[in-house]
């Protein structure tokens, strides 16, 4: 049975510096992203290459973060079900966007590089296999029109050698 899920967010522009969008360089790219009264807002802007605030999240970073977070959540779920005890997980994800001369851009790829520590005695091969299954199930990866590739590293929690 299919289930439909809806996500409501608000993006409020906060970059009016007194003259609105009277000129390309006269307004700020700042905005606040909210999702209901109980969640903290996310301070956003455009990429600094497009006159954005480098201290705020930009949409491109949020897209890469969404892909990485979705994969992580599926992976942890699958590991839990399979008896693989994950003790630490960090992903150094990278997204690539190409911009054409006309200013149109699109993502061409995202690479996920999760580093996963598992408890001693857990099956490294199974832990690696679960990354592929998580990738197949990830809602976000299934929704984008560019390749998402995986370069996971699996460690035993007490080991210092990477198992590839």
Foldseek 3Di string as FASTA:
>chain_A
DDDDDDFDKDKADPFQPPPRPPDQPRTAQWIWIGGDDPDDIFIEGDDVVSVHDPVGHYPVNVLLVLQQVLLVVQLVVVCVVVVWAWDDKDWPKDWDKDADPVGDIDTAEMETEMETETAPPGDPVVSVVSSVVSCVVRPSCVPDDHYYYYRYWYHHPPDPDTDD
